[in-house]
Amino acid sequence: MAKAAAFARSLDLFVDRTLSPAAQSARLAGAAKRELARLVAEGHASPSYQRFVDGREGAAEETVAPAPGGRIVYRFNHLGAVGTFAVSFLRQRSPAASGLPARPRNGKHGAYRDSFWIGVNGRAFPAARYDPELVPAGAELVIYNINAYSRKVDVQQVGGKSLSFSVPPGIFDDAAKAIRTRYGSLVDVKRVYTMRFDGQYLLKNEQVHRSGRYVGRSRNRAGKPVESPALIITPRL
């Protein structure tokens, strides 16, 4: 991670090479711990991180080799913050009211912005219950909306007919772009056209023109899950 690498380089400033090897190791370990605590306390780094001491994951800072070979690296887990940013962006871009006859799962019209879910390594829950501090390093985040009309809000078209909402189309594409702009050095993000999830709305009828000609990808759409866009976020290696 870019921030972790910058932190590792700054530790050299704290090593006095006139000290004994044991004292050098102790000085480097103490400086690393103090700087880590400061970064976390000031909100510049996540409290979730991986520690590498001379390349050994999880080793105690005090076991670091003396200068010039000793190296302590903290790789901060930014996935939790990225998930928070992504959900906030999607909610802000969501319409306050859908204007559609389809009813959200909670039975209220206009609840699209409150119906985003997050999957963390395959375990999904409402975004309102999302805790960024509990996202493990290396996790995969999947963010989607459970309402049946999520794709309509996103693309704002059905067949060749345009739909009108109080917000512009492309909220999932725009969210992906915003994430790349802010966190592109830390994560990869892609917008997928559709995904599957438990309780997904099933289409009741075939899609047809007034002339009777079918509109859609498949000629057997009835009973299949409605298409639902999503974001998939993973840490960059």
Protein backbone atom coordinates (compact mmCIF):
# COMPACT_ATOMS: atom_id res chain seq x y z
CA MET A 1 0.00 0.00 0.00
CA ALA A 2 1.28 3.45 -0.84
CA LYS A 3 0.77 4.85 2.67
CA ALA A 4 2.42 1.83 4.31
CA ALA A 5 5.48 2.18 2.07
CA ALA A 6 5.87 5.86 2.93
CA PHE A 7 5.62 5.04 6.64
CA ALA A 8 8.31 2.34 6.34
CA ARG A 9 10.77 4.77 4.74
CA SER A 10 10.21 7.38 7.45
CA LEU A 11 11.37 4.99 10.18
CA ASP A 12 14.98 5.36 9.10
CA LEU A 13 14.94 8.86 10.57
CA PHE A 14 14.62 7.45 14.08
CA VAL A 15 17.60 5.05 14.03
CA ASP A 16 20.87 6.17 15.64
CA ARG A 17 23.59 3.90 14.27
CA THR A 18 25.96 4.75 17.13
CA LEU A 19 23.78 2.68 19.45
CA SER A 20 24.34 -1.01 20.14
CA PRO A 21 22.44 -3.47 17.87
CA ALA A 22 19.97 -4.28 20.67
CA ALA A 23 19.39 -0.60 21.38
CA GLN A 24 18.88 0.12 17.69
CA SER A 25 16.19 -2.59 17.49
CA ALA A 26 14.46 -1.21 20.59
CA ARG A 27 14.60 2.35 19.25
CA LEU A 28 13.15 1.33 15.87
CA ALA A 29 10.37 -0.72 17.51
CA GLY A 30 9.40 2.11 19.85
CA ALA A 31 9.35 4.66 17.03
CA ALA A 32 7.22 2.39 14.88
CA LYS A 33 4.64 1.84 17.61
CA ARG A 34 4.39 5.54 18.46
CA GLU A 35 3.98 6.57 14.82
CA LEU A 36 1.39 3.84 14.24
CA ALA A 37 -0.62 5.00 17.27
CA ARG A 38 -0.47 8.62 16.07
CA LEU A 39 -1.63 7.80 12.52
CA VAL A 40 -4.57 5.75 13.79
CA ALA A 41 -5.55 8.30 16.46
CA GLU A 42 -5.53 11.15 13.92
CA GLY A 43 -7.58 9.16 11.43
CA HIS A 44 -4.82 8.95 8.81
CA ALA A 45 -4.63 5.15 8.97
CA SER A 46 -7.04 2.32 9.62
CA PRO A 47 -6.85 0.48 12.97
CA SER A 48 -7.03 -2.69 10.89
CA TYR A 49 -3.62 -3.57 9.46
CA GLN A 50 -1.04 -6.29 8.84
CA ARG A 51 2.40 -6.03 10.47
CA PHE A 52 5.57 -7.27 8.79
CA VAL A 53 8.89 -7.26 10.67
CA ASP A 54 11.82 -8.03 8.40
CA GLY A 55 9.35 -9.77 6.10
CA ARG A 56 7.77 -11.91 8.87
CA GLU A 57 4.03 -11.31 9.12
CA GLY A 58 2.78 -10.82 12.68
CA ALA A 59 6.21 -10.75 14.32
CA ALA A 60 6.67 -8.35 17.25
CA GLU A 61 8.26 -5.00 16.47
CA GLU A 62 10.96 -5.67 19.09
CA THR A 63 12.33 -8.56 17.00
CA VAL A 64 13.37 -6.23 14.17
CA ALA A 65 16.99 -6.43 13.07
CA PRO A 66 19.22 -3.42 13.88
CA ALA A 67 19.98 -0.78 11.26
CA PRO A 68 20.56 -0.69 8.40
CA GLY A 69 18.78 -3.97 7.60
CA GLY A 70 15.83 -3.75 10.01
CA ARG A 71 12.45 -2.98 8.46
CA ILE A 72 8.97 -2.64 9.98
CA VAL A 73 6.05 -2.27 7.58
CA TYR A 74 2.38 -1.75 8.40
CA ARG A 75 -0.07 -2.50 5.60
CA PHE A 76 -3.25 -0.71 6.49
CA ASN A 77 -6.61 -2.21 5.56
CA HIS A 78 -8.54 0.51 3.74
CA LEU A 79 -11.37 -1.73 2.53
CA GLY A 80 -13.68 -0.75 5.38
CA ALA A 81 -13.38 2.94 4.51
CA VAL A 82 -13.85 2.23 0.80
CA GLY A 83 -17.08 0.37 1.54
CA THR A 84 -18.36 3.29 3.61
CA PHE A 85 -17.51 5.73 0.82
CA ALA A 86 -19.18 3.57 -1.83
CA VAL A 87 -22.44 3.19 0.09
CA SER A 88 -22.53 6.90 0.91
CA PHE A 89 -22.05 7.79 -2.77
CA LEU A 90 -24.80 5.42 -3.90
CA ARG A 91 -27.24 6.67 -1.26
CA GLN A 92 -26.61 10.31 -2.16
CA ARG A 93 -27.24 9.56 -5.84
CA SER A 94 -30.41 7.57 -5.15
CA PRO A 95 -33.88 8.97 -5.84
CA ALA A 96 -35.90 9.90 -2.79
CA ALA A 97 -38.98 8.39 -4.47
CA SER A 98 -39.07 5.86 -7.26
CA GLY A 99 -42.26 6.81 -9.03
CA LEU A 100 -42.64 3.13 -9.94
CA PRO A 101 -45.49 0.77 -9.08
CA ALA A 102 -43.08 -1.92 -7.89
CA ARG A 103 -42.99 -2.01 -4.09
CA PRO A 104 -39.68 -2.33 -2.20
CA ARG A 105 -39.18 -5.27 0.12
CA ASN A 106 -40.06 -3.21 3.19
CA GLY A 107 -43.42 -2.23 1.64
CA LYS A 108 -42.67 1.49 1.28
CA HIS A 109 -42.36 3.48 -1.92
CA GLY A 110 -39.24 5.63 -2.28
CA ALA A 111 -37.06 3.39 -0.09
CA TYR A 112 -34.42 2.67 -2.74
CA ARG A 113 -31.70 4.62 -0.94
CA ASP A 114 -32.27 2.60 2.23
CA SER A 115 -32.12 -0.78 0.50
CA PHE A 116 -28.42 -1.20 -0.28
CA TRP A 117 -26.75 -4.36 0.94
CA ILE A 118 -23.08 -5.29 1.30
CA GLY A 119 -21.53 -8.71 0.93
CA VAL A 120 -18.23 -9.25 2.75
CA ASN A 121 -16.54 -12.43 1.54
CA GLY A 122 -19.95 -13.79 0.56
CA ARG A 123 -21.80 -12.88 3.78
CA ALA A 124 -24.42 -10.24 2.98
CA PHE A 125 -26.32 -7.85 5.25
CA PRO A 126 -28.04 -4.44 5.03
CA ALA A 127 -25.69 -1.50 4.61
CA ALA A 128 -27.16 0.01 7.80
CA ARG A 129 -25.47 -2.82 9.74
CA TYR A 130 -22.12 -2.42 7.99
CA ASP A 131 -19.16 -1.95 10.35
CA PRO A 132 -16.00 -0.92 8.45
CA GLU A 133 -13.82 -1.94 11.40
CA LEU A 134 -14.88 -5.58 10.98
CA VAL A 135 -13.86 -5.90 7.32
CA PRO A 136 -10.84 -8.24 7.19
CA ALA A 137 -7.77 -7.52 5.11
CA GLY A 138 -7.99 -9.02 1.64
CA ALA A 139 -11.79 -9.20 1.68
CA GLU A 140 -14.08 -8.91 -1.34
CA LEU A 141 -16.92 -6.39 -1.04
CA VAL A 142 -20.07 -6.65 -3.17
CA ILE A 143 -22.55 -3.76 -2.98
CA TYR A 144 -26.03 -3.90 -4.52
CA ASN A 145 -29.64 -2.82 -3.99
CA ILE A 146 -32.29 -5.42 -3.18
CA ASN A 147 -35.23 -3.58 -4.79
CA ALA A 148 -36.73 -5.05 -7.95
CA TYR A 149 -36.28 -1.78 -9.87
CA SER A 150 -32.57 -1.30 -9.12
CA ARG A 151 -31.57 -1.79 -12.76
CA LYS A 152 -34.26 0.69 -13.87
CA VAL A 153 -32.85 3.35 -11.54
CA ASP A 154 -29.35 2.65 -12.83
CA VAL A 155 -29.89 2.52 -16.63
CA GLN A 156 -33.27 4.31 -16.74
CA GLN A 157 -34.43 2.39 -19.77
CA VAL A 158 -36.72 -0.55 -20.44
CA GLY A 159 -36.23 -1.95 -23.92
CA GLY A 160 -36.11 1.17 -26.10
CA LYS A 161 -38.19 3.28 -23.73
CA SER A 162 -36.57 5.89 -21.48
CA LEU A 163 -37.57 6.24 -17.83
CA SER A 164 -37.49 9.44 -15.80
CA PHE A 165 -36.12 9.74 -12.26
CA SER A 166 -35.08 12.65 -10.06
CA VAL A 167 -31.42 11.65 -10.46
CA PRO A 168 -29.31 11.03 -13.59
CA PRO A 169 -28.69 7.45 -14.78
CA GLY A 170 -25.50 5.46 -14.25
CA ILE A 171 -25.17 5.61 -10.46
CA PHE A 172 -23.22 2.34 -10.28
CA ASP A 173 -20.82 3.38 -13.07
CA ASP A 174 -20.37 6.79 -11.45
CA ALA A 175 -19.75 5.19 -8.05
CA ALA A 176 -17.06 2.98 -9.58
CA LYS A 177 -15.39 6.04 -11.14
CA ALA A 178 -15.49 7.93 -7.83
CA ILE A 179 -13.92 4.98 -6.00
CA ARG A 180 -11.14 4.73 -8.60
CA THR A 181 -10.46 8.45 -8.31
CA ARG A 182 -10.18 8.38 -4.52
CA TYR A 183 -8.85 4.87 -3.81
CA GLY A 184 -7.50 3.67 -7.14
CA SER A 185 -4.03 2.97 -5.76
CA LEU A 186 -5.50 0.73 -3.06
CA VAL A 187 -8.43 -1.19 -4.58
CA ASP A 188 -9.83 -2.51 -7.83
CA VAL A 189 -13.51 -1.90 -8.51
CA LYS A 190 -15.84 -3.02 -11.27
CA ARG A 191 -19.51 -2.54 -12.00
CA VAL A 192 -21.24 -5.77 -13.00
CA TYR A 193 -24.42 -5.82 -15.06
CA THR A 194 -26.26 -8.26 -12.82
CA MET A 195 -25.71 -10.54 -9.84
CA ARG A 196 -27.64 -13.12 -7.81
CA PHE A 197 -28.67 -12.86 -4.16
CA ASP A 198 -31.12 -14.53 -1.79
CA GLY A 199 -34.69 -13.30 -2.04
CA GLN A 200 -34.12 -11.67 -5.43
CA TYR A 201 -37.32 -10.59 -7.20
CA LEU A 202 -38.52 -13.08 -9.83
CA LEU A 203 -40.05 -11.85 -13.05
CA LYS A 204 -43.74 -12.66 -13.32
CA ASN A 205 -44.26 -12.32 -17.08
CA GLU A 206 -42.53 -12.35 -20.45
CA GLN A 207 -41.49 -8.93 -21.76
CA VAL A 208 -43.35 -8.10 -24.97
CA HIS A 209 -44.09 -5.15 -27.24
CA ARG A 210 -47.69 -4.19 -27.87
CA SER A 211 -47.28 -5.96 -31.19
CA GLY A 212 -46.52 -9.14 -29.27
CA ARG A 213 -42.82 -9.24 -30.20
CA TYR A 214 -40.54 -10.26 -27.27
CA VAL A 215 -38.11 -7.70 -25.82
CA GLY A 216 -35.11 -8.95 -23.86
CA ARG A 217 -32.15 -11.32 -23.86
CA SER A 218 -34.01 -14.59 -23.29
CA ARG A 219 -37.31 -15.99 -24.51
CA ASN A 220 -37.92 -17.64 -21.13
CA ARG A 221 -37.66 -14.73 -18.68
CA ALA A 222 -40.74 -15.47 -16.55
CA GLY A 223 -39.65 -16.90 -13.20
CA LYS A 224 -36.05 -15.74 -13.57
CA PRO A 225 -34.38 -13.23 -11.19
CA VAL A 226 -34.61 -9.60 -12.23
CA GLU A 227 -31.31 -8.12 -13.41
CA SER A 228 -29.60 -6.23 -10.61
CA PRO A 229 -26.34 -4.22 -10.97
CA ALA A 230 -23.60 -4.32 -8.36
CA LEU A 231 -20.11 -3.11 -7.45
CA ILE A 232 -17.32 -5.58 -6.69
CA ILE A 233 -14.38 -4.14 -4.72
CA THR A 234 -11.14 -6.00 -4.01
CA PRO A 235 -7.75 -4.87 -2.65
CA ARG A 236 -5.01 -4.26 -5.18
CA LEU A 237 -2.10 -6.68 -4.92
